[in-house]
Amino acid sequence: MCTIDNAYARFGHYMENAALQGRLPVSFHDICLSIGVAPADLREVLDNELGMSPEEIMDSYFGIGDKNY
């Protein structure tokens, strides 16, 4: 497992790269598994740091209103 600060940064990089490549993420849970962090831990950090849920962040990157990820 990586530190939560590292996971926060890795999540940002993942989202930027996916958006640039036009890839839709599978799910927040799968992203967390791939970067080595518990989804609940990263969810809390994203909410505290950005005031947004992971789903809101993913919507802002990918513009998908149905939240199928």
PDB file of N, CA and C in Angstrom:
ATOM      1  N   MET A   1       0.836  -1.189   0.000  1.00  0.00           N
ATOM      2  CA  MET A   1       0.000   0.000   0.000  1.00  0.00           C
ATOM      3  C   MET A   1       0.881   1.253   0.000  1.00  0.00           C
ATOM      4  N   CYS A   2       0.426   2.264  -0.710  1.00  0.00           N
ATOM      5  CA  CYS A   2       1.165   3.518  -0.734  1.00  0.00           C
ATOM      6  C   CYS A   2       0.559   4.478   0.288  1.00  0.00           C
ATOM      7  N   THR A   3       1.289   5.533   0.570  1.00  0.00           N
ATOM      8  CA  THR A   3       0.768   6.522   1.510  1.00  0.00           C
ATOM      9  C   THR A   3      -0.433   7.229   0.879  1.00  0.00           C
ATOM     10  N   ILE A   4      -1.253   7.815   1.708  1.00  0.00           N
ATOM     11  CA  ILE A   4      -2.449   8.480   1.208  1.00  0.00           C
ATOM     12  C   ILE A   4      -2.087   9.699   0.354  1.00  0.00           C
ATOM     13  N   ASP A   5      -1.020  10.406   0.700  1.00  0.00           N
ATOM     14  CA  ASP A   5      -0.580  11.545  -0.118  1.00  0.00           C
ATOM     15  C   ASP A   5      -0.139  11.075  -1.497  1.00  0.00           C
ATOM     16  N   ASN A   6       0.587   9.966  -1.527  1.00  0.00           N
ATOM     17  CA  ASN A   6       1.027   9.388  -2.789  1.00  0.00           C
ATOM     18  C   ASN A   6      -0.175   8.909  -3.596  1.00  0.00           C
ATOM     19  N   ALA A   7      -1.143   8.283  -2.932  1.00  0.00           N
ATOM     20  CA  ALA A   7      -2.342   7.804  -3.611  1.00  0.00           C
ATOM     21  C   ALA A   7      -3.142   8.963  -4.192  1.00  0.00           C
ATOM     22  N   TYR A   8      -3.233  10.056  -3.454  1.00  0.00           N
ATOM     23  CA  TYR A   8      -3.935  11.259  -3.914  1.00  0.00           C
ATOM     24  C   TYR A   8      -3.286  11.767  -5.200  1.00  0.00           C
ATOM     25  N   ALA A   9      -1.973  11.844  -5.215  1.00  0.00           N
ATOM     26  CA  ALA A   9      -1.246  12.292  -6.401  1.00  0.00           C
ATOM     27  C   ALA A   9      -1.412  11.304  -7.553  1.00  0.00           C
ATOM     28  N   ARG A  10      -1.331  10.020  -7.257  1.00  0.00           N
ATOM     29  CA  ARG A  10      -1.469   9.000  -8.297  1.00  0.00           C
ATOM     30  C   ARG A  10      -2.872   9.003  -8.897  1.00  0.00           C
ATOM     31  N   PHE A  11      -3.887   9.272  -8.073  1.00  0.00           N
ATOM     32  CA  PHE A  11      -5.250   9.368  -8.581  1.00  0.00           C
ATOM     33  C   PHE A  11      -5.354  10.525  -9.578  1.00  0.00           C
ATOM     34  N   GLY A  12      -4.777  11.658  -9.220  1.00  0.00           N
ATOM     35  CA  GLY A  12      -4.784  12.808 -10.124  1.00  0.00           C
ATOM     36  C   GLY A  12      -4.104  12.502 -11.446  1.00  0.00           C
ATOM     37  N   HIS A  13      -2.955  11.860 -11.388  1.00  0.00           N
ATOM     38  CA  HIS A  13      -2.235  11.498 -12.612  1.00  0.00           C
ATOM     39  C   HIS A  13      -3.043  10.498 -13.434  1.00  0.00           C
ATOM     40  N   TYR A  14      -3.646   9.540 -12.756  1.00  0.00           N
ATOM     41  CA  TYR A  14      -4.466   8.550 -13.453  1.00  0.00           C
ATOM     42  C   TYR A  14      -5.592   9.239 -14.213  1.00  0.00           C
ATOM     43  N   MET A  15      -6.287  10.162 -13.533  1.00  0.00           N
ATOM     44  CA  MET A  15      -7.416  10.840 -14.145  1.00  0.00           C
ATOM     45  C   MET A  15      -6.965  11.698 -15.330  1.00  0.00           C
ATOM     46  N   GLU A  16      -5.867  12.421 -15.167  1.00  0.00           N
ATOM     47  CA  GLU A  16      -5.353  13.254 -16.258  1.00  0.00           C
ATOM     48  C   GLU A  16      -4.973  12.406 -17.468  1.00  0.00           C
ATOM     49  N   ASN A  17      -4.255  11.322 -17.231  1.00  0.00           N
ATOM     50  CA  ASN A  17      -3.838  10.450 -18.335  1.00  0.00           C
ATOM     51  C   ASN A  17      -5.035   9.809 -19.021  1.00  0.00           C
ATOM     52  N   ALA A  18      -5.998   9.343 -18.245  1.00  0.00           N
ATOM     53  CA  ALA A  18      -7.184   8.720 -18.830  1.00  0.00           C
ATOM     54  C   ALA A  18      -7.952   9.728 -19.683  1.00  0.00           C
ATOM     55  N   ALA A  19      -8.093  10.949 -19.188  1.00  0.00           N
ATOM     56  CA  ALA A  19      -8.812  11.985 -19.938  1.00  0.00           C
ATOM     57  C   ALA A  19      -8.076  12.330 -21.232  1.00  0.00           C
ATOM     58  N   LEU A  20      -6.758  12.456 -21.159  1.00  0.00           N
ATOM     59  CA  LEU A  20      -5.974  12.779 -22.356  1.00  0.00           C
ATOM     60  C   LEU A  20      -6.055  11.672 -23.401  1.00  0.00           C
ATOM     61  N   GLN A  21      -6.127  10.439 -22.944  1.00  0.00           N
ATOM     62  CA  GLN A  21      -6.185   9.301 -23.853  1.00  0.00           C
ATOM     63  C   GLN A  21      -7.607   8.941 -24.264  1.00  0.00           C
ATOM     64  N   GLY A  22      -8.590   9.629 -23.687  1.00  0.00           N
ATOM     65  CA  GLY A  22      -9.983   9.343 -24.020  1.00  0.00           C
ATOM     66  C   GLY A  22     -10.481   8.025 -23.461  1.00  0.00           C
ATOM     67  N   ARG A  23      -9.849   7.544 -22.403  1.00  0.00           N
ATOM     68  CA  ARG A  23     -10.257   6.279 -21.766  1.00  0.00           C
ATOM     69  C   ARG A  23     -11.211   6.569 -20.624  1.00  0.00           C
ATOM     70  N   LEU A  24     -12.292   5.856 -20.558  1.00  0.00           N
ATOM     71  CA  LEU A  24     -13.176   5.958 -19.408  1.00  0.00           C
ATOM     72  C   LEU A  24     -12.694   5.000 -18.334  1.00  0.00           C
ATOM     73  N   PRO A  25     -12.614   5.448 -17.093  1.00  0.00           N
ATOM     74  CA  PRO A  25     -12.196   4.549 -16.020  1.00  0.00           C
ATOM     75  C   PRO A  25     -13.261   3.493 -15.766  1.00  0.00           C
ATOM     76  N   VAL A  26     -12.823   2.336 -15.330  1.00  0.00           N
ATOM     77  CA  VAL A  26     -13.755   1.247 -15.057  1.00  0.00           C
ATOM     78  C   VAL A  26     -14.608   1.591 -13.842  1.00  0.00           C
ATOM     79  N   SER A  27     -13.963   1.888 -12.740  1.00  0.00           N
ATOM     80  CA  SER A  27     -14.679   2.282 -11.523  1.00  0.00           C
ATOM     81  C   SER A  27     -13.687   2.925 -10.560  1.00  0.00           C
ATOM     82  N   PHE A  28     -14.214   3.687  -9.634  1.00  0.00           N
ATOM     83  CA  PHE A  28     -13.359   4.281  -8.611  1.00  0.00           C
ATOM     84  C   PHE A  28     -12.662   3.174  -7.825  1.00  0.00           C
ATOM     85  N   HIS A  29     -13.387   2.145  -7.514  1.00  0.00           N
ATOM     86  CA  HIS A  29     -12.827   1.014  -6.767  1.00  0.00           C
ATOM     87  C   HIS A  29     -11.647   0.401  -7.515  1.00  0.00           C
ATOM     88  N   ASP A  30     -11.799   0.200  -8.819  1.00  0.00           N
ATOM     89  CA  ASP A  30     -10.711  -0.382  -9.610  1.00  0.00           C
ATOM     90  C   ASP A  30      -9.499   0.548  -9.688  1.00  0.00           C
ATOM     91  N   ILE A  31      -9.749   1.850  -9.778  1.00  0.00           N
ATOM     92  CA  ILE A  31      -8.635   2.808  -9.769  1.00  0.00           C
ATOM     93  C   ILE A  31      -7.873   2.684  -8.448  1.00  0.00           C
ATOM     94  N   CYS A  32      -8.606   2.623  -7.345  1.00  0.00           N
ATOM     95  CA  CYS A  32      -7.966   2.499  -6.031  1.00  0.00           C
ATOM     96  C   CYS A  32      -7.133   1.231  -5.930  1.00  0.00           C
ATOM     97  N   LEU A  33      -7.667   0.133  -6.430  1.00  0.00           N
ATOM     98  CA  LEU A  33      -6.906  -1.117  -6.422  1.00  0.00           C
ATOM     99  C   LEU A  33      -5.626  -0.979  -7.229  1.00  0.00           C
ATOM    100  N   SER A  34      -5.716  -0.310  -8.377  1.00  0.00           N
ATOM    101  CA  SER A  34      -4.534  -0.187  -9.239  1.00  0.00           C
ATOM    102  C   SER A  34      -3.465   0.719  -8.646  1.00  0.00           C
ATOM    103  N   ILE A  35      -3.861   1.694  -7.810  1.00  0.00           N
ATOM    104  CA  ILE A  35      -2.863   2.582  -7.212  1.00  0.00           C
ATOM    105  C   ILE A  35      -2.508   2.176  -5.786  1.00  0.00           C
ATOM    106  N   GLY A  36      -3.182   1.157  -5.254  1.00  0.00           N
ATOM    107  CA  GLY A  36      -2.807   0.604  -3.962  1.00  0.00           C
ATOM    108  C   GLY A  36      -3.313   1.363  -2.751  1.00  0.00           C
ATOM    109  N   VAL A  37      -4.583   1.776  -2.782  1.00  0.00           N
ATOM    110  CA  VAL A  37      -5.157   2.501  -1.646  1.00  0.00           C
ATOM    111  C   VAL A  37      -6.582   1.997  -1.411  1.00  0.00           C
ATOM    112  N   ALA A  38      -7.008   2.036  -0.175  1.00  0.00           N
ATOM    113  CA  ALA A  38      -8.380   1.661   0.153  1.00  0.00           C
ATOM    114  C   ALA A  38      -9.330   2.744  -0.376  1.00  0.00           C
ATOM    115  N   PRO A  39     -10.385   2.352  -1.073  1.00  0.00           N
ATOM    116  CA  PRO A  39     -11.326   3.340  -1.608  1.00  0.00           C
ATOM    117  C   PRO A  39     -11.882   4.294  -0.549  1.00  0.00           C
ATOM    118  N   ALA A  40     -12.204   3.794   0.616  1.00  0.00           N
ATOM    119  CA  ALA A  40     -12.755   4.663   1.669  1.00  0.00           C
ATOM    120  C   ALA A  40     -11.750   5.731   2.091  1.00  0.00           C
ATOM    121  N   ASP A  41     -10.470   5.354   2.162  1.00  0.00           N
ATOM    122  CA  ASP A  41      -9.436   6.319   2.557  1.00  0.00           C
ATOM    123  C   ASP A  41      -9.272   7.417   1.520  1.00  0.00           C
ATOM    124  N   LEU A  42      -9.204   7.036   0.245  1.00  0.00           N
ATOM    125  CA  LEU A  42      -9.023   8.036  -0.807  1.00  0.00           C
ATOM    126  C   LEU A  42     -10.284   8.882  -0.957  1.00  0.00           C
ATOM    127  N   ARG A  43     -11.449   8.274  -0.809  1.00  0.00           N
ATOM    128  CA  ARG A  43     -12.711   9.023  -0.885  1.00  0.00           C
ATOM    129  C   ARG A  43     -12.720  10.140   0.157  1.00  0.00           C
ATOM    130  N   GLU A  44     -12.277   9.826   1.369  1.00  0.00           N
ATOM    131  CA  GLU A  44     -12.247  10.819   2.444  1.00  0.00           C
ATOM    132  C   GLU A  44     -11.295  11.959   2.109  1.00  0.00           C
ATOM    133  N   VAL A  45     -10.124  11.627   1.585  1.00  0.00           N
ATOM    134  CA  VAL A  45      -9.142  12.661   1.227  1.00  0.00           C
ATOM    135  C   VAL A  45      -9.673  13.551   0.111  1.00  0.00           C
ATOM    136  N   LEU A  46     -10.266  12.947  -0.911  1.00  0.00           N
ATOM    137  CA  LEU A  46     -10.798  13.743  -2.018  1.00  0.00           C
ATOM    138  C   LEU A  46     -11.889  14.686  -1.535  1.00  0.00           C
ATOM    139  N   ASP A  47     -12.743  14.192  -0.663  1.00  0.00           N
ATOM    140  CA  ASP A  47     -13.809  15.034  -0.130  1.00  0.00           C
ATOM    141  C   ASP A  47     -13.234  16.173   0.711  1.00  0.00           C
ATOM    142  N   ASN A  48     -12.251  15.857   1.544  1.00  0.00           N
ATOM    143  CA  ASN A  48     -11.644  16.882   2.406  1.00  0.00           C
ATOM    144  C   ASN A  48     -10.825  17.903   1.617  1.00  0.00           C
ATOM    145  N   GLU A  49     -10.051  17.437   0.656  1.00  0.00           N
ATOM    146  CA  GLU A  49      -9.153  18.317  -0.087  1.00  0.00           C
ATOM    147  C   GLU A  49      -9.860  19.103  -1.189  1.00  0.00           C
ATOM    148  N   LEU A  50     -10.789  18.444  -1.887  1.00  0.00           N
ATOM    149  CA  LEU A  50     -11.421  19.066  -3.043  1.00  0.00           C
ATOM    150  C   LEU A  50     -12.892  19.397  -2.824  1.00  0.00           C
ATOM    151  N   GLY A  51     -13.466  18.844  -1.771  1.00  0.00           N
ATOM    152  CA  GLY A  51     -14.887  19.062  -1.516  1.00  0.00           C
ATOM    153  C   GLY A  51     -15.776  18.379  -2.535  1.00  0.00           C
ATOM    154  N   MET A  52     -15.250  17.307  -3.134  1.00  0.00           N
ATOM    155  CA  MET A  52     -15.991  16.577  -4.163  1.00  0.00           C
ATOM    156  C   MET A  52     -15.856  15.083  -3.921  1.00  0.00           C
ATOM    157  N   SER A  53     -16.897  14.357  -4.291  1.00  0.00           N
ATOM    158  CA  SER A  53     -16.827  12.896  -4.235  1.00  0.00           C
ATOM    159  C   SER A  53     -16.028  12.406  -5.442  1.00  0.00           C
ATOM    160  N   PRO A  54     -15.532  11.180  -5.397  1.00  0.00           N
ATOM    161  CA  PRO A  54     -14.836  10.637  -6.560  1.00  0.00           C
ATOM    162  C   PRO A  54     -15.715  10.657  -7.815  1.00  0.00           C
ATOM    163  N   GLU A  55     -16.999  10.388  -7.633  1.00  0.00           N
ATOM    164  CA  GLU A  55     -17.915  10.380  -8.770  1.00  0.00           C
ATOM    165  C   GLU A  55     -18.048  11.776  -9.386  1.00  0.00           C
ATOM    166  N   GLU A  56     -18.087  12.801  -8.553  1.00  0.00           N
ATOM    167  CA  GLU A  56     -18.146  14.175  -9.062  1.00  0.00           C
ATOM    168  C   GLU A  56     -16.870  14.531  -9.815  1.00  0.00           C
ATOM    169  N   ILE A  57     -15.743  14.082  -9.300  1.00  0.00           N
ATOM    170  CA  ILE A  57     -14.462  14.338  -9.967  1.00  0.00           C
ATOM    171  C   ILE A  57     -14.432  13.634 -11.312  1.00  0.00           C
ATOM    172  N   MET A  58     -14.863  12.386 -11.331  1.00  0.00           N
ATOM    173  CA  MET A  58     -14.874  11.625 -12.580  1.00  0.00           C
ATOM    174  C   MET A  58     -15.824  12.267 -13.586  1.00  0.00           C
ATOM    175  N   ASP A  59     -16.954  12.764 -13.123  1.00  0.00           N
ATOM    176  CA  ASP A  59     -17.882  13.473 -14.015  1.00  0.00           C
ATOM    177  C   ASP A  59     -17.237  14.721 -14.595  1.00  0.00           C
ATOM    178  N   SER A  60     -16.471  15.438 -13.776  1.00  0.00           N
ATOM    179  CA  SER A  60     -15.844  16.661 -14.280  1.00  0.00           C
ATOM    180  C   SER A  60     -14.782  16.351 -15.333  1.00  0.00           C
ATOM    181  N   TYR A  61     -14.106  15.228 -15.225  1.00  0.00           N
ATOM    182  CA  TYR A  61     -13.101  14.843 -16.212  1.00  0.00           C
ATOM    183  C   TYR A  61     -13.730  14.284 -17.483  1.00  0.00           C
ATOM    184  N   PHE A  62     -14.795  13.481 -17.312  1.00  0.00           N
ATOM    185  CA  PHE A  62     -15.323  12.715 -18.436  1.00  0.00           C
ATOM    186  C   PHE A  62     -16.711  13.143 -18.886  1.00  0.00           C
ATOM    187  N   GLY A  63     -17.379  14.018 -18.106  1.00  0.00           N
ATOM    188  CA  GLY A  63     -18.663  14.561 -18.511  1.00  0.00           C
ATOM    189  C   GLY A  63     -19.765  13.547 -18.683  1.00  0.00           C
ATOM    190  N   ILE A  64     -19.732  12.533 -17.886  1.00  0.00           N
ATOM    191  CA  ILE A  64     -20.758  11.498 -17.971  1.00  0.00           C
ATOM    192  C   ILE A  64     -21.709  11.657 -16.801  1.00  0.00           C
ATOM    193  N   GLY A  65     -22.940  11.939 -17.087  1.00  0.00           N
ATOM    194  CA  GLY A  65     -23.906  12.189 -16.043  1.00  0.00           C
ATOM    195  C   GLY A  65     -24.476  10.956 -15.390  1.00  0.00           C
ATOM    196  N   ASP A  66     -24.379   9.790 -16.032  1.00  0.00           N
ATOM    197  CA  ASP A  66     -25.021   8.613 -15.458  1.00  0.00           C
ATOM    198  C   ASP A  66     -24.146   7.866 -14.462  1.00  0.00           C
ATOM    199  N   LYS A  67     -22.896   8.255 -14.327  1.00  0.00           N
ATOM    200  CA  LYS A  67     -21.989   7.697 -13.322  1.00  0.00           C
ATOM    201  C   LYS A  67     -21.899   6.167 -13.401  1.00  0.00           C
ATOM    202  N   ASN A  68     -21.638   5.662 -14.586  1.00  0.00           N
ATOM    203  CA  ASN A  68     -21.511   4.221 -14.783  1.00  0.00           C
ATOM    204  C   ASN A  68     -20.117   3.694 -14.484  1.00  0.00           C
ATOM    205  N   TYR A  69     -19.384   4.341 -13.613  1.00  0.00           N
ATOM    206  CA  TYR A  69     -18.042   3.874 -13.331  1.00  0.00           C
ATOM    207  C   TYR A  69     -17.824   3.692 -11.863  1.00  0.00           C
TER     208      TYR A  69
END
